[in-house]
Amino acid sequence: MISYLDFEKPVAALEERIAQLRSVNALHDVDVASEIGRLEAKSVELLNRTYASLTPWQKTQVARHPQRPHFHDYVAHAFSDFIPLGGDRLYGDDLAIMGGFARLNGRRIMLIGHEKGNDTQSRIRHNFGMGKPEGYRKAIRLMEMAGRFGLPVVTLVDTSGAFPGIEAEERGQAEAIARSTEACLSLEVPMIAVVVGEGGSGGAVALAAANRVLMMEHAVYSVISPEGCASILWRTSEKAPEAAQAMKITAQHLKRDNVIDRIVKEPVGGAHRDPKAAARMLGAALTEEIETLSSKTAQQLIAAREERFLAIGG
């Protein structure tokens, strides 16, 4: 069952009516096919119209949808032969940041990303995708390993931000994030980052200082959440929709301002409506990007990254 967002209520009502008609058809052998077809066409049209004009706040809601695909879903549907690697060799293993060897259309890569979890237990286990220092140090270890083996690095970014707890600060959260960002920038192999859901603050940038930065169509990327921004500016989180509008956090805004390089289309109604199709779209985009970057030398890759990030805001 799809969980509907507030702005999807008209679509929900139509799809509920379609389900009722199908039930009547199954129980009483009544021919309502034409009516079902008419309502399905109307539902698709309404869904298309709704998602073509989402506000930044509505896109934030879509990016946070509880059924939106996460790291494990993309591993299952866009990659193959995934071999997870754990631990930072210093403290422990952080399940908010996953990584390991994988194949993308036959090409061996290093895959790293945030995992939020998809139910209460898994969300707690993965700390809602909020990385701790050991998670970012694991990412550094895997990036360095990719550099030694000459493997392209792909990162899937989906976090509201790095974990702000006192224990993370005690273990050097800021330093770990800075070192992870530095590791991205100094990689001698191609690196592609994709914001698949939320890209929040330094916790996202630490895995996204790449040669190419992509965003899913309904993802968001910002230095602070709309609620956090509203709480600072207006002293109330109720102004979050206004903050989202002012912050220009959508893929469309960021592509226009050259903060990201490419927008990856999602199925109509968001990636959560068809995770397999969303994964196929992402896999195709990543394959193209890796092919383009694979001909560049290590020096060219590092120089291009430096130029890319220094140009932002110029």
Protein backbone atom coordinates (compact mmCIF):
# COMPACT_ATOMS: atom_id res chain seq x y z
CA MET A 1 0.00 0.00 0.00
CA ILE A 2 1.28 3.43 -0.94
CA SER A 3 1.40 6.02 1.81
CA TYR A 4 -0.07 9.25 0.44
CA LEU A 5 1.25 12.71 1.21
CA ASP A 6 -1.13 15.57 2.06
CA PHE A 7 -1.00 17.13 -1.40
CA GLU A 8 -1.79 13.72 -2.97
CA LYS A 9 -5.26 13.42 -1.39
CA PRO A 10 -7.15 13.93 -4.69
CA VAL A 11 -5.07 11.15 -6.26
CA ALA A 12 -5.65 8.96 -3.20
CA ALA A 13 -9.42 9.41 -3.52
CA LEU A 14 -9.35 8.39 -7.18
CA GLU A 15 -7.18 5.35 -6.58
CA GLU A 16 -9.39 4.29 -3.67
CA ARG A 17 -12.41 4.49 -5.98
CA ILE A 18 -10.59 2.38 -8.58
CA ALA A 19 -9.78 -0.25 -5.94
CA GLN A 20 -13.44 -0.35 -4.87
CA LEU A 21 -14.62 -0.86 -8.45
CA ARG A 22 -12.12 -3.68 -8.96
CA SER A 23 -13.43 -5.31 -5.79
CA VAL A 24 -17.02 -5.05 -7.03
CA ASN A 25 -15.98 -6.49 -10.39
CA ALA A 26 -14.27 -9.45 -8.71
CA LEU A 27 -17.11 -10.23 -6.30
CA HIS A 28 -20.16 -9.70 -8.48
CA ASP A 29 -18.87 -10.20 -12.01
CA VAL A 30 -20.07 -6.72 -12.97
CA ASP A 31 -18.49 -5.17 -16.06
CA VAL A 32 -17.03 -1.88 -14.87
CA ALA A 33 -13.90 -2.04 -17.03
CA SER A 34 -14.74 1.13 -18.95
CA GLU A 35 -15.29 3.11 -15.74
CA ILE A 36 -12.07 1.74 -14.25
CA GLY A 37 -10.20 2.69 -17.41
CA ARG A 38 -11.63 6.20 -17.34
CA LEU A 39 -10.69 6.70 -13.68
CA GLU A 40 -7.19 5.26 -14.21
CA ALA A 41 -6.57 7.70 -17.04
CA LYS A 42 -7.83 10.54 -14.88
CA SER A 43 -5.62 9.39 -11.98
CA VAL A 44 -2.50 9.28 -14.18
CA GLU A 45 -3.29 12.72 -15.59
CA LEU A 46 -3.82 14.15 -12.09
CA LEU A 47 -0.62 12.55 -10.81
CA ASN A 48 1.35 13.96 -13.75
CA ARG A 49 -0.12 17.42 -13.21
CA THR A 50 0.51 17.32 -9.46
CA TYR A 51 4.15 16.23 -9.74
CA ALA A 52 4.89 18.67 -12.55
CA SER A 53 4.23 21.63 -10.25
CA LEU A 54 5.51 20.59 -6.82
CA THR A 55 6.68 23.34 -4.50
CA PRO A 56 10.10 23.02 -2.82
CA TRP A 57 8.38 22.02 0.44
CA GLN A 58 6.34 19.34 -1.33
CA LYS A 59 9.53 18.02 -2.93
CA THR A 60 11.05 17.87 0.54
CA GLN A 61 8.13 15.70 1.63
CA VAL A 62 8.63 13.42 -1.38
CA ALA A 63 12.38 13.18 -0.66
CA ARG A 64 11.52 12.05 2.89
CA HIS A 65 8.72 9.68 1.90
CA PRO A 66 8.84 6.61 4.19
CA GLN A 67 8.64 4.28 1.17
CA ARG A 68 11.27 6.07 -0.90
CA PRO A 69 14.04 3.66 -2.00
CA HIS A 70 17.27 3.81 -0.02
CA PHE A 71 20.78 2.40 -0.41
CA HIS A 72 19.78 -1.27 -0.08
CA ASP A 73 16.98 -0.85 -2.62
CA TYR A 74 19.36 0.61 -5.21
CA VAL A 75 21.89 -2.13 -4.46
CA ALA A 76 19.18 -4.71 -5.18
CA HIS A 77 17.87 -3.16 -8.40
CA ALA A 78 20.67 -1.11 -10.00
CA PHE A 79 23.86 -2.99 -9.04
CA SER A 80 25.04 -6.58 -8.81
CA ASP A 81 27.63 -8.64 -6.93
CA PHE A 82 27.62 -6.28 -3.95
CA ILE A 83 30.24 -7.25 -1.35
CA PRO A 84 29.75 -5.17 1.84
CA LEU A 85 32.82 -3.99 3.72
CA GLY A 86 32.56 -2.78 7.30
CA GLY A 87 34.50 -0.95 9.96
CA ASP A 88 36.85 2.01 10.08
CA ARG A 89 39.74 0.04 11.67
CA LEU A 90 39.74 2.57 14.51
CA TYR A 91 36.51 2.37 16.49
CA GLY A 92 33.72 0.31 14.96
CA ASP A 93 31.20 -0.08 12.16
CA ASP A 94 28.57 2.57 11.48
CA LEU A 95 25.53 1.14 9.69
CA ALA A 96 24.27 4.61 8.73
CA ILE A 97 26.95 4.58 6.01
CA MET A 98 27.27 1.40 3.98
CA GLY A 99 29.80 0.49 1.33
CA GLY A 100 31.60 -2.18 -0.60
CA PHE A 101 32.50 -3.55 -4.00
CA ALA A 102 29.73 -3.80 -6.58
CA ARG A 103 29.19 -4.08 -10.31
CA LEU A 104 27.31 -1.62 -12.50
CA ASN A 105 26.47 -3.17 -15.87
CA GLY A 106 29.46 -5.47 -15.49
CA ARG A 107 31.93 -2.77 -14.41
CA ARG A 108 33.48 -3.16 -10.96
CA ILE A 109 33.04 -0.07 -8.78
CA MET A 110 33.22 1.01 -5.15
CA LEU A 111 29.73 1.85 -3.89
CA ILE A 112 29.22 3.94 -0.74
CA GLY A 113 26.07 5.52 0.63
CA HIS A 114 23.73 6.42 3.46
CA GLU A 115 21.08 3.92 4.56
CA LYS A 116 18.06 5.23 6.49
CA GLY A 117 16.20 1.94 6.95
CA ASN A 118 12.61 1.15 5.98
CA ASP A 119 10.89 0.23 9.24
CA THR A 120 11.25 1.14 12.90
CA GLN A 121 13.84 -1.51 13.74
CA SER A 122 16.02 -0.94 10.68
CA ARG A 123 15.81 2.84 11.05
CA ILE A 124 17.11 2.59 14.59
CA ARG A 125 19.81 0.15 13.50
CA HIS A 126 20.93 2.50 10.70
CA ASN A 127 20.50 5.59 12.91
CA PHE A 128 18.10 7.12 10.36
CA GLY A 129 20.99 7.59 7.93
CA MET A 130 22.82 10.02 10.22
CA GLY A 131 26.49 9.09 9.97
CA LYS A 132 28.90 9.00 12.89
CA PRO A 133 32.68 9.60 12.71
CA GLU A 134 33.38 5.91 12.23
CA GLY A 135 31.01 5.91 9.24
CA TYR A 136 32.88 8.72 7.50
CA ARG A 137 36.21 7.12 8.37
CA LYS A 138 34.92 3.88 6.83
CA ALA A 139 34.02 5.85 3.70
CA ILE A 140 37.57 7.26 3.60
CA ARG A 141 39.01 3.76 3.90
CA LEU A 142 36.86 2.49 1.04
CA MET A 143 37.70 5.48 -1.17
CA GLU A 144 41.40 4.93 -0.59
CA MET A 145 40.93 1.24 -1.42
CA ALA A 146 39.15 2.19 -4.64
CA GLY A 147 42.07 4.44 -5.52
CA ARG A 148 44.56 1.59 -5.02
CA PHE A 149 42.55 -0.76 -7.25
CA GLY A 150 41.66 1.87 -9.85
CA LEU A 151 37.90 1.56 -9.31
CA PRO A 152 35.39 4.36 -9.93
CA VAL A 153 33.59 5.52 -6.78
CA VAL A 154 29.81 5.97 -6.69
CA THR A 155 28.14 7.48 -3.63
CA LEU A 156 24.41 7.56 -2.86
CA VAL A 157 23.64 10.49 -0.56
CA ASP A 158 20.51 10.36 1.59
CA THR A 159 20.81 11.94 5.03
CA SER A 160 19.23 14.75 7.00
CA GLY A 161 22.75 15.43 8.31
CA ALA A 162 25.56 13.86 10.28
CA PHE A 163 24.67 12.56 13.75
CA PRO A 164 24.83 15.49 16.24
CA GLY A 165 25.07 13.43 19.44
CA ILE A 166 27.70 14.16 22.07
CA GLU A 167 29.41 10.80 21.55
CA ALA A 168 29.93 11.64 17.87
CA GLU A 169 31.49 14.97 18.82
CA GLU A 170 33.74 13.20 21.34
CA ARG A 171 34.99 10.88 18.58
CA GLY A 172 35.80 13.76 16.21
CA GLN A 173 32.74 14.24 14.01
CA ALA A 174 33.86 17.51 12.40
CA GLU A 175 37.35 16.18 11.68
CA ALA A 176 35.94 12.98 10.15
CA ILE A 177 33.61 14.94 7.87
CA ALA A 178 36.45 17.24 6.79
CA ARG A 179 38.76 14.28 6.11
CA SER A 180 36.06 12.52 4.10
CA THR A 181 35.51 15.63 1.99
CA GLU A 182 39.27 15.87 1.48
CA ALA A 183 39.41 12.20 0.45
CA CYS A 184 36.72 12.83 -2.19
CA LEU A 185 38.61 15.80 -3.62
CA SER A 186 41.96 13.99 -3.78
CA LEU A 187 40.74 10.74 -5.39
CA GLU A 188 42.70 9.69 -8.46
CA VAL A 189 39.75 7.74 -9.88
CA PRO A 190 36.39 8.96 -11.21
CA MET A 191 33.85 9.81 -8.53
CA ILE A 192 30.13 10.33 -9.05
CA ALA A 193 27.75 11.33 -6.24
CA VAL A 194 23.97 11.07 -6.41
CA VAL A 195 21.59 12.75 -3.98
CA VAL A 196 18.81 10.14 -3.99
CA GLY A 197 16.68 11.62 -1.20
CA GLU A 198 17.81 14.24 1.29
CA GLY A 199 21.22 15.84 1.04
CA GLY A 200 21.69 17.54 4.38
CA SER A 201 24.62 19.73 5.41
CA GLY A 202 28.20 18.50 5.85
CA GLY A 203 26.96 14.97 6.39
CA ALA A 204 26.02 14.96 2.70
CA VAL A 205 28.95 16.98 1.32
CA ALA A 206 31.38 14.52 2.93
CA LEU A 207 30.26 11.94 0.35
CA ALA A 208 29.44 14.35 -2.47
CA ALA A 209 32.59 16.31 -3.35
CA ALA A 210 32.71 14.42 -6.64
CA ASN A 211 33.58 14.98 -10.30
CA ARG A 212 29.90 14.78 -11.14
CA VAL A 213 27.04 15.47 -8.73
CA LEU A 214 23.63 14.13 -9.74
CA MET A 215 20.25 14.47 -8.07
CA MET A 216 17.10 12.44 -8.40
CA GLU A 217 14.26 14.53 -9.78
CA HIS A 218 12.49 14.95 -6.43
CA ALA A 219 15.53 15.00 -4.13
CA VAL A 220 16.59 18.03 -2.08
CA TYR A 221 20.06 19.29 -1.14
CA SER A 222 20.76 22.03 1.40
CA VAL A 223 23.05 23.27 4.13
CA ILE A 224 20.25 23.02 6.71
CA SER A 225 16.75 21.57 6.79
CA PRO A 226 13.83 23.92 5.98
CA GLU A 227 12.59 23.45 9.56
CA GLY A 228 16.01 24.35 10.97
CA CYS A 229 16.26 27.43 8.77
CA ALA A 230 12.72 28.53 9.74
CA SER A 231 13.51 28.06 13.43
CA ILE A 232 16.53 30.35 13.10
CA LEU A 233 14.94 33.05 10.95
CA TRP A 234 11.35 33.08 12.22
CA ARG A 235 11.68 31.26 15.55
CA THR A 236 9.12 28.68 14.39
CA SER A 237 9.35 25.56 12.24
CA GLU A 238 5.87 26.30 10.86
CA LYS A 239 7.56 28.60 8.34
CA ALA A 240 9.40 25.62 6.80
CA PRO A 241 7.54 25.90 3.44
CA GLU A 242 8.66 29.52 3.10
CA ALA A 243 12.21 28.57 4.06
CA ALA A 244 12.29 25.76 1.49
CA GLN A 245 11.18 28.21 -1.19
CA ALA A 246 13.83 30.78 -0.26
CA MET A 247 16.67 28.24 0.08
CA LYS A 248 16.39 26.92 -3.51
CA ILE A 249 16.92 23.31 -2.40
CA THR A 250 15.39 21.40 -5.31
CA ALA A 251 17.28 19.63 -8.07
CA GLN A 252 15.83 22.06 -10.61
CA HIS A 253 17.06 25.14 -8.71
CA LEU A 254 20.49 23.64 -8.08
CA LYS A 255 20.98 22.52 -11.68
CA ARG A 256 20.13 26.04 -12.87
CA ASP A 257 22.72 27.47 -10.45
CA ASN A 258 25.37 24.89 -11.48
CA VAL A 259 25.61 23.38 -8.00
CA ILE A 260 24.77 19.97 -9.50
CA ASP A 261 25.47 18.58 -12.95
CA ARG A 262 22.51 16.37 -13.86
CA ILE A 263 18.96 15.54 -12.84
CA VAL A 264 17.93 11.87 -12.97
CA LYS A 265 14.26 11.39 -13.87
CA GLU A 266 11.98 9.49 -11.51
CA PRO A 267 8.82 7.52 -12.28
CA VAL A 268 5.67 9.67 -12.28
CA GLY A 269 4.61 10.09 -8.67
CA GLY A 270 8.12 9.73 -7.25
CA ALA A 271 10.66 6.93 -6.88
CA HIS A 272 8.60 5.35 -4.08
CA ARG A 273 5.85 4.42 -6.57
CA ASP A 274 8.22 2.27 -8.63
CA PRO A 275 11.62 1.71 -6.96
CA LYS A 276 12.76 -0.76 -9.63
CA ALA A 277 12.13 1.73 -12.44
CA ALA A 278 13.86 4.49 -10.43
CA ALA A 279 16.89 2.21 -9.94
CA ARG A 280 17.04 1.44 -13.67
CA MET A 281 16.98 5.15 -14.49
CA LEU A 282 19.76 5.81 -11.99
CA GLY A 283 21.83 2.88 -13.26
CA ALA A 284 21.62 4.14 -16.85
CA ALA A 285 22.68 7.67 -15.83
CA LEU A 286 25.61 6.38 -13.76
CA THR A 287 26.80 4.15 -16.60
CA GLU A 288 26.91 7.16 -18.94
CA GLU A 289 28.77 9.29 -16.40
CA ILE A 290 31.40 6.64 -15.66
CA GLU A 291 32.00 6.09 -19.39
CA THR A 292 32.56 9.82 -19.86
CA LEU A 293 35.01 10.10 -16.95
CA SER A 294 36.91 6.86 -17.54
CA SER A 295 39.11 8.38 -20.25
CA LYS A 296 40.48 11.12 -17.97
CA THR A 297 43.83 10.89 -16.18
CA ALA A 298 44.19 11.14 -12.39
CA GLN A 299 45.55 14.68 -12.70
CA GLN A 300 42.64 15.73 -14.92
CA LEU A 301 40.09 14.26 -12.49
CA ILE A 302 41.57 16.07 -9.48
CA ALA A 303 41.90 19.36 -11.37
CA ALA A 304 38.32 19.11 -12.66
CA ARG A 305 36.99 18.56 -9.14
CA GLU A 306 38.90 21.56 -7.84
CA GLU A 307 37.65 23.77 -10.67
CA ARG A 308 34.10 22.52 -10.26
CA PHE A 309 33.76 23.40 -6.59
CA LEU A 310 35.70 26.65 -6.72
CA ALA A 311 33.37 27.84 -9.50
CA ILE A 312 30.22 27.48 -7.37
CA GLY A 313 28.88 30.91 -6.49
CA GLY A 314 31.42 32.66 -8.70
